Amino acid sequence: MPAIANGAVSFDTVAREWRAKYTGPAGESASLEAAQKVLEKYLPAMKALEGSEVTRQVCGGCLDFKVRAP
């Protein structure tokens, strides 16, 4: 991959990121539970793609639910 930002930033992976906000608190959030269920539904297909590495992040402070996959 080429370097960007006048050569200051280099990378070896291009990925997509899907973000959603959920209602808190995280420990009892119905919307967070629903987001996780949607991810679980599509996760096998996402992992089946060649070179795939799927990560999920949940932030209790800003109430973000993020999924990243190259």
N, C-alpha and C. Protein backbone atom coordinates (compact mmCIF):
# COMPACT_ATOMS: atom_id res chain seq x y z
N MET A 1 0.84 -1.18 0.00
CA MET A 1 0.00 0.00 0.00
C MET A 1 0.89 1.24 0.00
N PRO A 2 0.45 2.27 -0.66
CA PRO A 2 1.24 3.50 -0.66
C PRO A 2 1.11 4.24 0.67
N ALA A 3 2.13 5.02 0.95
CA ALA A 3 2.08 5.88 2.14
C ALA A 3 1.23 7.11 1.80
N ILE A 4 0.59 7.67 2.80
CA ILE A 4 -0.22 8.87 2.63
C ILE A 4 0.27 9.94 3.60
N ALA A 5 -0.33 11.08 3.55
CA ALA A 5 0.04 12.21 4.43
C ALA A 5 1.51 12.56 4.27
N ASN A 6 1.90 12.76 3.01
CA ASN A 6 3.29 13.12 2.69
C ASN A 6 4.28 12.09 3.21
N GLY A 7 3.88 10.80 3.18
CA GLY A 7 4.75 9.72 3.61
C GLY A 7 4.76 9.46 5.11
N ALA A 8 3.99 10.21 5.89
CA ALA A 8 4.00 10.06 7.34
C ALA A 8 3.15 8.88 7.82
N VAL A 9 2.20 8.42 6.99
CA VAL A 9 1.30 7.34 7.40
C VAL A 9 1.37 6.22 6.38
N SER A 10 1.73 5.02 6.85
CA SER A 10 1.71 3.86 5.97
C SER A 10 0.77 2.81 6.57
N PHE A 11 0.29 1.89 5.74
CA PHE A 11 -0.66 0.90 6.21
C PHE A 11 -0.57 -0.34 5.34
N ASP A 12 -1.08 -1.46 5.87
CA ASP A 12 -1.06 -2.70 5.11
C ASP A 12 -2.45 -3.31 4.97
N THR A 13 -3.47 -2.63 5.50
CA THR A 13 -4.83 -3.15 5.45
C THR A 13 -5.81 -2.02 5.18
N VAL A 14 -6.75 -2.29 4.31
CA VAL A 14 -7.87 -1.38 4.08
C VAL A 14 -9.11 -2.08 4.63
N ALA A 15 -9.87 -1.41 5.47
CA ALA A 15 -11.00 -2.06 6.13
C ALA A 15 -12.24 -1.18 6.07
N ARG A 16 -13.37 -1.82 6.26
CA ARG A 16 -14.64 -1.11 6.42
C ARG A 16 -14.98 -1.11 7.89
N GLU A 17 -15.65 -0.07 8.33
CA GLU A 17 -16.10 0.00 9.71
C GLU A 17 -17.56 0.40 9.72
N TRP A 18 -18.35 -0.39 10.44
CA TRP A 18 -19.76 -0.08 10.63
C TRP A 18 -19.93 0.37 12.07
N ARG A 19 -20.64 1.47 12.26
CA ARG A 19 -20.84 2.03 13.60
C ARG A 19 -22.31 2.20 13.89
N ALA A 20 -22.64 2.02 15.15
CA ALA A 20 -24.00 2.28 15.60
C ALA A 20 -23.93 2.79 17.03
N LYS A 21 -24.88 3.57 17.41
CA LYS A 21 -25.03 4.01 18.79
C LYS A 21 -26.08 3.13 19.44
N TYR A 22 -25.88 2.80 20.69
CA TYR A 22 -26.89 2.06 21.44
C TYR A 22 -27.29 2.88 22.66
N THR A 23 -28.42 2.52 23.24
CA THR A 23 -28.87 3.21 24.44
C THR A 23 -28.31 2.49 25.66
N GLY A 24 -27.87 3.25 26.62
CA GLY A 24 -27.21 2.67 27.80
C GLY A 24 -28.14 2.59 28.98
N PRO A 25 -27.64 2.06 30.06
CA PRO A 25 -26.28 1.56 30.26
C PRO A 25 -26.07 0.21 29.58
N ALA A 26 -24.81 -0.09 29.28
CA ALA A 26 -24.47 -1.27 28.50
C ALA A 26 -24.94 -2.57 29.15
N GLY A 27 -24.89 -2.64 30.46
CA GLY A 27 -25.24 -3.87 31.17
C GLY A 27 -26.67 -4.32 30.99
N GLU A 28 -27.55 -3.40 30.61
CA GLU A 28 -28.96 -3.76 30.46
C GLU A 28 -29.58 -3.17 29.19
N SER A 29 -28.75 -2.94 28.18
CA SER A 29 -29.20 -2.28 26.96
C SER A 29 -29.83 -3.26 25.97
N ALA A 30 -31.10 -3.07 25.67
CA ALA A 30 -31.78 -3.89 24.67
C ALA A 30 -31.25 -3.61 23.27
N SER A 31 -30.89 -2.35 22.98
CA SER A 31 -30.39 -2.03 21.65
C SER A 31 -29.00 -2.61 21.42
N LEU A 32 -28.17 -2.67 22.46
CA LEU A 32 -26.85 -3.30 22.34
C LEU A 32 -27.02 -4.80 22.10
N GLU A 33 -27.95 -5.41 22.80
CA GLU A 33 -28.23 -6.84 22.61
C GLU A 33 -28.70 -7.09 21.18
N ALA A 34 -29.55 -6.22 20.66
CA ALA A 34 -30.05 -6.37 19.29
C ALA A 34 -28.92 -6.22 18.27
N ALA A 35 -28.03 -5.26 18.49
CA ALA A 35 -26.89 -5.07 17.58
C ALA A 35 -26.00 -6.31 17.57
N GLN A 36 -25.77 -6.89 18.73
CA GLN A 36 -24.96 -8.10 18.82
C GLN A 36 -25.62 -9.26 18.08
N LYS A 37 -26.93 -9.38 18.17
CA LYS A 37 -27.64 -10.45 17.47
C LYS A 37 -27.54 -10.29 15.95
N VAL A 38 -27.60 -9.06 15.46
CA VAL A 38 -27.43 -8.82 14.03
C VAL A 38 -26.02 -9.23 13.60
N LEU A 39 -25.02 -8.85 14.39
CA LEU A 39 -23.65 -9.24 14.08
C LEU A 39 -23.52 -10.76 14.04
N GLU A 40 -24.08 -11.45 15.03
CA GLU A 40 -23.99 -12.91 15.08
C GLU A 40 -24.64 -13.56 13.87
N LYS A 41 -25.69 -12.94 13.34
CA LYS A 41 -26.36 -13.47 12.15
C LYS A 41 -25.44 -13.44 10.94
N TYR A 42 -24.70 -12.34 10.77
CA TYR A 42 -23.87 -12.16 9.58
C TYR A 42 -22.41 -12.55 9.77
N LEU A 43 -22.00 -12.81 10.98
CA LEU A 43 -20.59 -13.11 11.26
C LEU A 43 -20.07 -14.32 10.50
N PRO A 44 -20.78 -15.44 10.40
CA PRO A 44 -20.23 -16.57 9.64
C PRO A 44 -19.93 -16.22 8.18
N ALA A 45 -20.80 -15.46 7.54
CA ALA A 45 -20.56 -15.06 6.15
C ALA A 45 -19.37 -14.11 6.05
N MET A 46 -19.24 -13.21 7.01
CA MET A 46 -18.13 -12.26 7.00
C MET A 46 -16.79 -13.00 7.20
N LYS A 47 -16.77 -13.96 8.12
CA LYS A 47 -15.55 -14.71 8.38
C LYS A 47 -15.18 -15.65 7.24
N ALA A 48 -16.16 -16.02 6.43
CA ALA A 48 -15.91 -16.93 5.31
C ALA A 48 -15.16 -16.25 4.16
N LEU A 49 -15.14 -14.94 4.13
CA LEU A 49 -14.44 -14.22 3.06
C LEU A 49 -12.94 -14.40 3.22
N GLU A 50 -12.27 -14.61 2.12
CA GLU A 50 -10.82 -14.83 2.14
C GLU A 50 -10.10 -13.64 2.76
N GLY A 51 -9.21 -13.92 3.70
CA GLY A 51 -8.42 -12.88 4.35
C GLY A 51 -9.19 -12.08 5.39
N SER A 52 -10.37 -12.54 5.75
CA SER A 52 -11.21 -11.78 6.66
C SER A 52 -10.74 -11.88 8.10
N GLU A 53 -10.83 -10.77 8.78
CA GLU A 53 -10.58 -10.70 10.22
C GLU A 53 -11.58 -9.69 10.76
N VAL A 54 -12.56 -10.15 11.49
CA VAL A 54 -13.65 -9.30 11.97
C VAL A 54 -13.40 -8.97 13.44
N THR A 55 -13.48 -7.69 13.77
CA THR A 55 -13.36 -7.27 15.16
C THR A 55 -14.59 -6.45 15.54
N ARG A 56 -14.95 -6.56 16.81
CA ARG A 56 -16.08 -5.79 17.34
C ARG A 56 -15.59 -5.01 18.55
N GLN A 57 -16.00 -3.75 18.63
CA GLN A 57 -15.67 -2.92 19.78
C GLN A 57 -16.96 -2.34 20.35
N VAL A 58 -17.04 -2.32 21.67
CA VAL A 58 -18.18 -1.72 22.36
C VAL A 58 -17.61 -0.74 23.37
N CYS A 59 -18.08 0.49 23.33
CA CYS A 59 -17.63 1.51 24.27
C CYS A 59 -18.78 1.87 25.21
N GLY A 60 -18.56 1.67 26.49
CA GLY A 60 -19.58 2.00 27.48
C GLY A 60 -19.68 3.49 27.75
N GLY A 61 -18.63 4.24 27.43
CA GLY A 61 -18.64 5.68 27.67
C GLY A 61 -19.39 6.46 26.61
N CYS A 62 -19.09 6.18 25.34
CA CYS A 62 -19.75 6.93 24.26
C CYS A 62 -20.87 6.14 23.61
N LEU A 63 -21.15 4.91 24.11
CA LEU A 63 -22.22 4.07 23.64
C LEU A 63 -22.09 3.72 22.17
N ASP A 64 -20.85 3.42 21.74
CA ASP A 64 -20.58 3.00 20.36
C ASP A 64 -20.54 1.48 20.26
N PHE A 65 -21.06 0.97 19.17
CA PHE A 65 -20.95 -0.43 18.79
C PHE A 65 -20.30 -0.41 17.42
N LYS A 66 -19.09 -0.95 17.28
CA LYS A 66 -18.36 -0.87 16.02
C LYS A 66 -17.93 -2.26 15.58
N VAL A 67 -18.01 -2.50 14.28
CA VAL A 67 -17.54 -3.72 13.67
C VAL A 67 -16.59 -3.33 12.55
N ARG A 68 -15.44 -3.98 12.51
CA ARG A 68 -14.43 -3.67 11.49
C ARG A 68 -14.05 -4.96 10.78
N ALA A 69 -13.97 -4.88 9.45
CA ALA A 69 -13.56 -6.03 8.65
C ALA A 69 -12.84 -5.55 7.40
N PRO A 70 -11.69 -6.16 7.11
CA PRO A 70 -11.00 -5.83 5.85
C PRO A 70 -11.73 -6.41 4.67
